[in-house]
Amino acid sequence: MLLVVRELPALPATLSGGLQEAQRKWIDGDPAALPLEPFRAAAWDFLEARNGSSVMIQDEVDATARALICTMWDDPSEYGSVEDNLAFFADMVSMCSTSQRAIAAALQS
């Protein structure tokens, strides 16, 4: 999931730190990676400030931010259903015009 989000060009620069920390934690296995919860909260705050609602998805930027939120859990069991998280992630990525290219690039990395 992180590899796909990394390839989506609509990721706001203000949220890239969360992506980097999630990658440090989940891909690099870095035990010194920062907790992801503050980055997840910042992504929700970004959406709230942008749209007046953290749950409103109006465009690719919103969908990319929501896809990123799906990856920012310190413990995957915090989210609840892995299947629901993956399904929602797929829905968000599919809203991005570059989703096919992002998925292909992630599979090659």
N, C-alpha and C. Protein backbone atom coordinates (compact mmCIF):
# COMPACT_ATOMS: atom_id res chain seq x y z
N MET A 1 0.83 -1.19 0.00
CA MET A 1 0.00 0.00 0.00
C MET A 1 0.87 1.26 0.00
N LEU A 2 1.90 1.25 0.83
CA LEU A 2 2.79 2.41 0.89
C LEU A 2 3.47 2.67 -0.44
N LEU A 3 3.87 1.60 -1.11
CA LEU A 3 4.54 1.75 -2.39
C LEU A 3 3.62 2.39 -3.42
N VAL A 4 2.34 2.10 -3.35
CA VAL A 4 1.38 2.72 -4.26
C VAL A 4 1.20 4.19 -3.92
N VAL A 5 0.98 4.51 -2.65
CA VAL A 5 0.79 5.90 -2.25
C VAL A 5 1.99 6.74 -2.64
N ARG A 6 3.17 6.18 -2.48
CA ARG A 6 4.40 6.90 -2.82
C ARG A 6 4.41 7.33 -4.29
N GLU A 7 3.74 6.58 -5.13
CA GLU A 7 3.72 6.86 -6.57
C GLU A 7 2.59 7.80 -7.00
N LEU A 8 1.71 8.15 -6.09
CA LEU A 8 0.59 9.02 -6.45
C LEU A 8 1.04 10.48 -6.40
N PRO A 9 0.98 11.20 -7.54
CA PRO A 9 1.48 12.58 -7.57
C PRO A 9 0.63 13.57 -6.80
N ALA A 10 -0.59 13.20 -6.45
CA ALA A 10 -1.47 14.13 -5.75
C ALA A 10 -1.20 14.20 -4.24
N LEU A 11 -0.20 13.48 -3.75
CA LEU A 11 0.10 13.51 -2.31
C LEU A 11 0.56 14.92 -1.93
N PRO A 12 -0.16 15.58 -1.04
CA PRO A 12 0.25 16.91 -0.62
C PRO A 12 1.62 16.87 0.08
N ALA A 13 2.44 17.84 -0.22
CA ALA A 13 3.79 17.90 0.36
C ALA A 13 3.73 17.92 1.89
N THR A 14 2.70 18.53 2.44
CA THR A 14 2.58 18.62 3.89
C THR A 14 2.37 17.27 4.55
N LEU A 15 1.99 16.27 3.77
CA LEU A 15 1.75 14.92 4.32
C LEU A 15 2.88 13.95 4.01
N SER A 16 3.88 14.40 3.29
CA SER A 16 4.96 13.49 2.88
C SER A 16 5.76 12.95 4.06
N GLY A 17 5.83 13.70 5.16
CA GLY A 17 6.54 13.21 6.35
C GLY A 17 5.89 11.96 6.91
N GLY A 18 4.56 11.91 6.87
CA GLY A 18 3.86 10.71 7.33
C GLY A 18 4.15 9.52 6.46
N LEU A 19 4.20 9.75 5.16
CA LEU A 19 4.55 8.67 4.24
C LEU A 19 5.96 8.17 4.51
N GLN A 20 6.88 9.08 4.73
CA GLN A 20 8.27 8.70 5.00
C GLN A 20 8.38 7.89 6.29
N GLU A 21 7.69 8.31 7.34
CA GLU A 21 7.76 7.57 8.61
C GLU A 21 7.10 6.20 8.49
N ALA A 22 5.97 6.14 7.78
CA ALA A 22 5.32 4.84 7.58
C ALA A 22 6.25 3.90 6.81
N GLN A 23 6.94 4.44 5.83
CA GLN A 23 7.90 3.62 5.08
C GLN A 23 9.04 3.15 5.99
N ARG A 24 9.55 4.06 6.84
CA ARG A 24 10.61 3.66 7.78
C ARG A 24 10.13 2.52 8.66
N LYS A 25 8.88 2.62 9.13
CA LYS A 25 8.36 1.61 10.05
C LYS A 25 8.06 0.29 9.34
N TRP A 26 7.28 0.35 8.26
CA TRP A 26 6.73 -0.86 7.66
C TRP A 26 7.60 -1.48 6.58
N ILE A 27 8.34 -0.68 5.83
CA ILE A 27 9.16 -1.23 4.75
C ILE A 27 10.60 -1.42 5.20
N ASP A 28 11.15 -0.38 5.85
CA ASP A 28 12.54 -0.46 6.28
C ASP A 28 12.70 -1.21 7.60
N GLY A 29 11.62 -1.34 8.38
CA GLY A 29 11.69 -2.03 9.66
C GLY A 29 12.54 -1.29 10.69
N ASP A 30 12.59 0.03 10.58
CA ASP A 30 13.42 0.85 11.46
C ASP A 30 12.77 0.97 12.84
N PRO A 31 13.40 0.42 13.88
CA PRO A 31 12.81 0.50 15.22
C PRO A 31 12.78 1.93 15.76
N ALA A 32 13.53 2.83 15.15
CA ALA A 32 13.54 4.23 15.59
C ALA A 32 12.50 5.07 14.86
N ALA A 33 11.67 4.46 14.02
CA ALA A 33 10.63 5.21 13.32
C ALA A 33 9.69 5.84 14.34
N LEU A 34 9.26 7.04 14.02
CA LEU A 34 8.36 7.77 14.92
C LEU A 34 6.97 7.14 14.91
N PRO A 35 6.22 7.32 15.99
CA PRO A 35 4.83 6.83 16.00
C PRO A 35 4.04 7.47 14.85
N LEU A 36 3.15 6.71 14.26
CA LEU A 36 2.41 7.17 13.10
C LEU A 36 1.14 7.93 13.45
N GLU A 37 0.63 7.77 14.65
CA GLU A 37 -0.63 8.41 15.02
C GLU A 37 -0.62 9.93 14.81
N PRO A 38 0.43 10.66 15.20
CA PRO A 38 0.42 12.11 14.94
C PRO A 38 0.37 12.45 13.45
N PHE A 39 0.97 11.63 12.62
CA PHE A 39 0.92 11.86 11.18
C PHE A 39 -0.48 11.57 10.63
N ARG A 40 -1.11 10.54 11.18
CA ARG A 40 -2.48 10.22 10.79
C ARG A 40 -3.41 11.36 11.18
N ALA A 41 -3.22 11.89 12.40
CA ALA A 41 -4.04 13.01 12.86
C ALA A 41 -3.81 14.25 11.97
N ALA A 42 -2.57 14.47 11.57
CA ALA A 42 -2.27 15.61 10.69
C ALA A 42 -2.97 15.46 9.34
N ALA A 43 -3.07 14.24 8.84
CA ALA A 43 -3.76 14.01 7.57
C ALA A 43 -5.26 14.30 7.73
N TRP A 44 -5.85 13.87 8.85
CA TRP A 44 -7.26 14.20 9.09
C TRP A 44 -7.44 15.71 9.20
N ASP A 45 -6.52 16.38 9.91
CA ASP A 45 -6.59 17.84 10.04
C ASP A 45 -6.47 18.52 8.69
N PHE A 46 -5.58 18.01 7.83
CA PHE A 46 -5.42 18.55 6.49
C PHE A 46 -6.74 18.51 5.74
N LEU A 47 -7.40 17.36 5.79
CA LEU A 47 -8.68 17.20 5.09
C LEU A 47 -9.75 18.13 5.68
N GLU A 48 -9.77 18.23 6.99
CA GLU A 48 -10.74 19.12 7.65
C GLU A 48 -10.53 20.57 7.22
N ALA A 49 -9.27 21.01 7.20
CA ALA A 49 -8.97 22.39 6.82
C ALA A 49 -9.26 22.62 5.33
N ARG A 50 -9.02 21.63 4.53
CA ARG A 50 -9.20 21.78 3.08
C ARG A 50 -10.67 21.81 2.68
N ASN A 51 -11.48 20.97 3.30
CA ASN A 51 -12.87 20.78 2.87
C ASN A 51 -13.92 21.17 3.90
N GLY A 52 -13.49 21.50 5.10
CA GLY A 52 -14.47 21.74 6.16
C GLY A 52 -15.03 20.44 6.72
N SER A 53 -14.52 19.33 6.23
CA SER A 53 -14.95 18.01 6.68
C SER A 53 -13.82 17.03 6.39
N SER A 54 -13.48 16.24 7.39
CA SER A 54 -12.39 15.29 7.18
C SER A 54 -12.83 14.04 6.42
N VAL A 55 -14.14 13.87 6.24
CA VAL A 55 -14.62 12.68 5.55
C VAL A 55 -15.08 12.96 4.12
N MET A 56 -15.13 14.22 3.73
CA MET A 56 -15.53 14.57 2.38
C MET A 56 -14.38 14.32 1.40
N ILE A 57 -14.65 13.60 0.35
CA ILE A 57 -13.63 13.30 -0.66
C ILE A 57 -14.08 13.95 -1.96
N GLN A 58 -13.39 15.03 -2.35
CA GLN A 58 -13.82 15.79 -3.52
C GLN A 58 -12.94 15.58 -4.74
N ASP A 59 -11.70 15.16 -4.54
CA ASP A 59 -10.79 15.06 -5.68
C ASP A 59 -9.64 14.11 -5.37
N GLU A 60 -8.67 14.07 -6.28
CA GLU A 60 -7.54 13.16 -6.13
C GLU A 60 -6.69 13.46 -4.90
N VAL A 61 -6.57 14.73 -4.55
CA VAL A 61 -5.78 15.09 -3.37
C VAL A 61 -6.43 14.48 -2.12
N ASP A 62 -7.73 14.63 -2.01
CA ASP A 62 -8.45 14.05 -0.86
C ASP A 62 -8.33 12.53 -0.85
N ALA A 63 -8.51 11.93 -2.02
CA ALA A 63 -8.42 10.46 -2.10
C ALA A 63 -7.02 9.97 -1.75
N THR A 64 -6.00 10.70 -2.18
CA THR A 64 -4.63 10.31 -1.85
C THR A 64 -4.37 10.45 -0.35
N ALA A 65 -4.87 11.52 0.25
CA ALA A 65 -4.70 11.69 1.69
C ALA A 65 -5.40 10.57 2.45
N ARG A 66 -6.60 10.20 2.02
CA ARG A 66 -7.32 9.11 2.69
C ARG A 66 -6.61 7.77 2.48
N ALA A 67 -6.03 7.54 1.29
CA ALA A 67 -5.27 6.32 1.06
C ALA A 67 -4.06 6.28 1.99
N LEU A 68 -3.42 7.43 2.16
CA LEU A 68 -2.27 7.50 3.07
C LEU A 68 -2.68 7.17 4.49
N ILE A 69 -3.82 7.67 4.92
CA ILE A 69 -4.31 7.39 6.28
C ILE A 69 -4.44 5.88 6.48
N CYS A 70 -4.82 5.16 5.46
CA CYS A 70 -4.96 3.69 5.57
C CYS A 70 -3.64 3.02 5.91
N THR A 71 -2.52 3.68 5.65
CA THR A 71 -1.21 3.07 5.88
C THR A 71 -0.58 3.50 7.20
N MET A 72 -1.18 4.45 7.89
CA MET A 72 -0.51 5.05 9.05
C MET A 72 -1.08 4.55 10.38
N TRP A 73 -0.90 3.27 10.60
CA TRP A 73 -1.30 2.64 11.86
C TRP A 73 -0.06 2.02 12.48
N ASP A 74 0.18 2.31 13.74
CA ASP A 74 1.35 1.73 14.42
C ASP A 74 1.17 0.24 14.63
N ASP A 75 -0.07 -0.18 14.78
CA ASP A 75 -0.40 -1.59 14.94
C ASP A 75 -1.60 -1.84 14.01
N PRO A 76 -1.44 -2.68 13.01
CA PRO A 76 -2.54 -2.89 12.06
C PRO A 76 -3.86 -3.29 12.71
N SER A 77 -3.80 -3.91 13.87
CA SER A 77 -5.04 -4.32 14.53
C SER A 77 -5.82 -3.12 15.07
N GLU A 78 -5.18 -1.94 15.15
CA GLU A 78 -5.88 -0.74 15.59
C GLU A 78 -7.00 -0.36 14.62
N TYR A 79 -6.79 -0.65 13.34
CA TYR A 79 -7.79 -0.27 12.33
C TYR A 79 -9.05 -1.11 12.44
N GLY A 80 -8.90 -2.33 12.81
CA GLY A 80 -10.03 -3.24 12.83
C GLY A 80 -9.87 -4.26 11.72
N SER A 81 -10.78 -4.26 10.79
CA SER A 81 -10.78 -5.25 9.71
C SER A 81 -9.75 -4.91 8.64
N VAL A 82 -8.80 -5.80 8.45
CA VAL A 82 -7.81 -5.62 7.40
C VAL A 82 -8.50 -5.58 6.03
N GLU A 83 -9.50 -6.43 5.85
CA GLU A 83 -10.22 -6.47 4.58
C GLU A 83 -10.90 -5.14 4.29
N ASP A 84 -11.52 -4.54 5.31
CA ASP A 84 -12.18 -3.24 5.12
C ASP A 84 -11.16 -2.16 4.79
N ASN A 85 -10.03 -2.19 5.47
CA ASN A 85 -8.97 -1.20 5.21
C ASN A 85 -8.47 -1.34 3.77
N LEU A 86 -8.20 -2.56 3.33
CA LEU A 86 -7.72 -2.77 1.96
C LEU A 86 -8.77 -2.36 0.93
N ALA A 87 -10.02 -2.67 1.19
CA ALA A 87 -11.09 -2.31 0.25
C ALA A 87 -11.22 -0.79 0.16
N PHE A 88 -11.17 -0.10 1.30
CA PHE A 88 -11.28 1.35 1.28
C PHE A 88 -10.06 1.95 0.58
N PHE A 89 -8.86 1.42 0.87
CA PHE A 89 -7.65 1.88 0.21
C PHE A 89 -7.80 1.75 -1.30
N ALA A 90 -8.25 0.60 -1.77
CA ALA A 90 -8.43 0.38 -3.21
C ALA A 90 -9.43 1.37 -3.80
N ASP A 91 -10.50 1.66 -3.07
CA ASP A 91 -11.47 2.64 -3.54
C ASP A 91 -10.83 4.02 -3.69
N MET A 92 -10.01 4.40 -2.72
CA MET A 92 -9.37 5.72 -2.77
C MET A 92 -8.36 5.80 -3.92
N VAL A 93 -7.56 4.77 -4.08
CA VAL A 93 -6.56 4.76 -5.16
C VAL A 93 -7.25 4.79 -6.52
N SER A 94 -8.36 4.09 -6.64
CA SER A 94 -9.06 4.05 -7.93
C SER A 94 -9.61 5.42 -8.33
N MET A 95 -9.75 6.33 -7.39
CA MET A 95 -10.22 7.69 -7.69
C MET A 95 -9.11 8.56 -8.29
N CYS A 96 -7.90 8.07 -8.28
CA CYS A 96 -6.76 8.84 -8.79
C CYS A 96 -6.51 8.49 -10.25
N SER A 97 -6.36 9.51 -11.07
CA SER A 97 -6.19 9.28 -12.50
C SER A 97 -4.91 8.52 -12.82
N THR A 98 -3.95 8.55 -11.93
CA THR A 98 -2.68 7.86 -12.17
C THR A 98 -2.60 6.54 -11.43
N SER A 99 -3.73 6.00 -11.01
CA SER A 99 -3.71 4.79 -10.18
C SER A 99 -3.05 3.61 -10.87
N GLN A 100 -3.33 3.40 -12.14
CA GLN A 100 -2.75 2.25 -12.84
C GLN A 100 -1.23 2.38 -12.92
N ARG A 101 -0.74 3.58 -13.21
CA ARG A 101 0.70 3.79 -13.28
C ARG A 101 1.32 3.63 -11.90
N ALA A 102 0.65 4.13 -10.87
CA ALA A 102 1.18 4.02 -9.50
C ALA A 102 1.27 2.56 -9.07
N ILE A 103 0.26 1.78 -9.39
CA ILE A 103 0.28 0.37 -9.02
C ILE A 103 1.37 -0.36 -9.78
N ALA A 104 1.50 -0.08 -11.06
CA ALA A 104 2.56 -0.72 -11.86
C ALA A 104 3.94 -0.36 -11.32
N ALA A 105 4.16 0.91 -10.98
CA ALA A 105 5.45 1.35 -10.45
C ALA A 105 5.73 0.69 -9.11
N ALA A 106 4.70 0.57 -8.27
CA ALA A 106 4.89 -0.06 -6.96
C ALA A 106 5.25 -1.54 -7.12
N LEU A 107 4.66 -2.20 -8.08
CA LEU A 107 4.97 -3.61 -8.30
C LEU A 107 6.38 -3.82 -8.81
N GLN A 108 6.92 -2.83 -9.50
CA GLN A 108 8.29 -2.94 -10.02
C GLN A 108 9.33 -2.62 -8.98
N SER A 109 8.95 -1.93 -7.90
CA SER A 109 9.95 -1.55 -6.89
C SER A 109 10.17 -2.62 -5.86
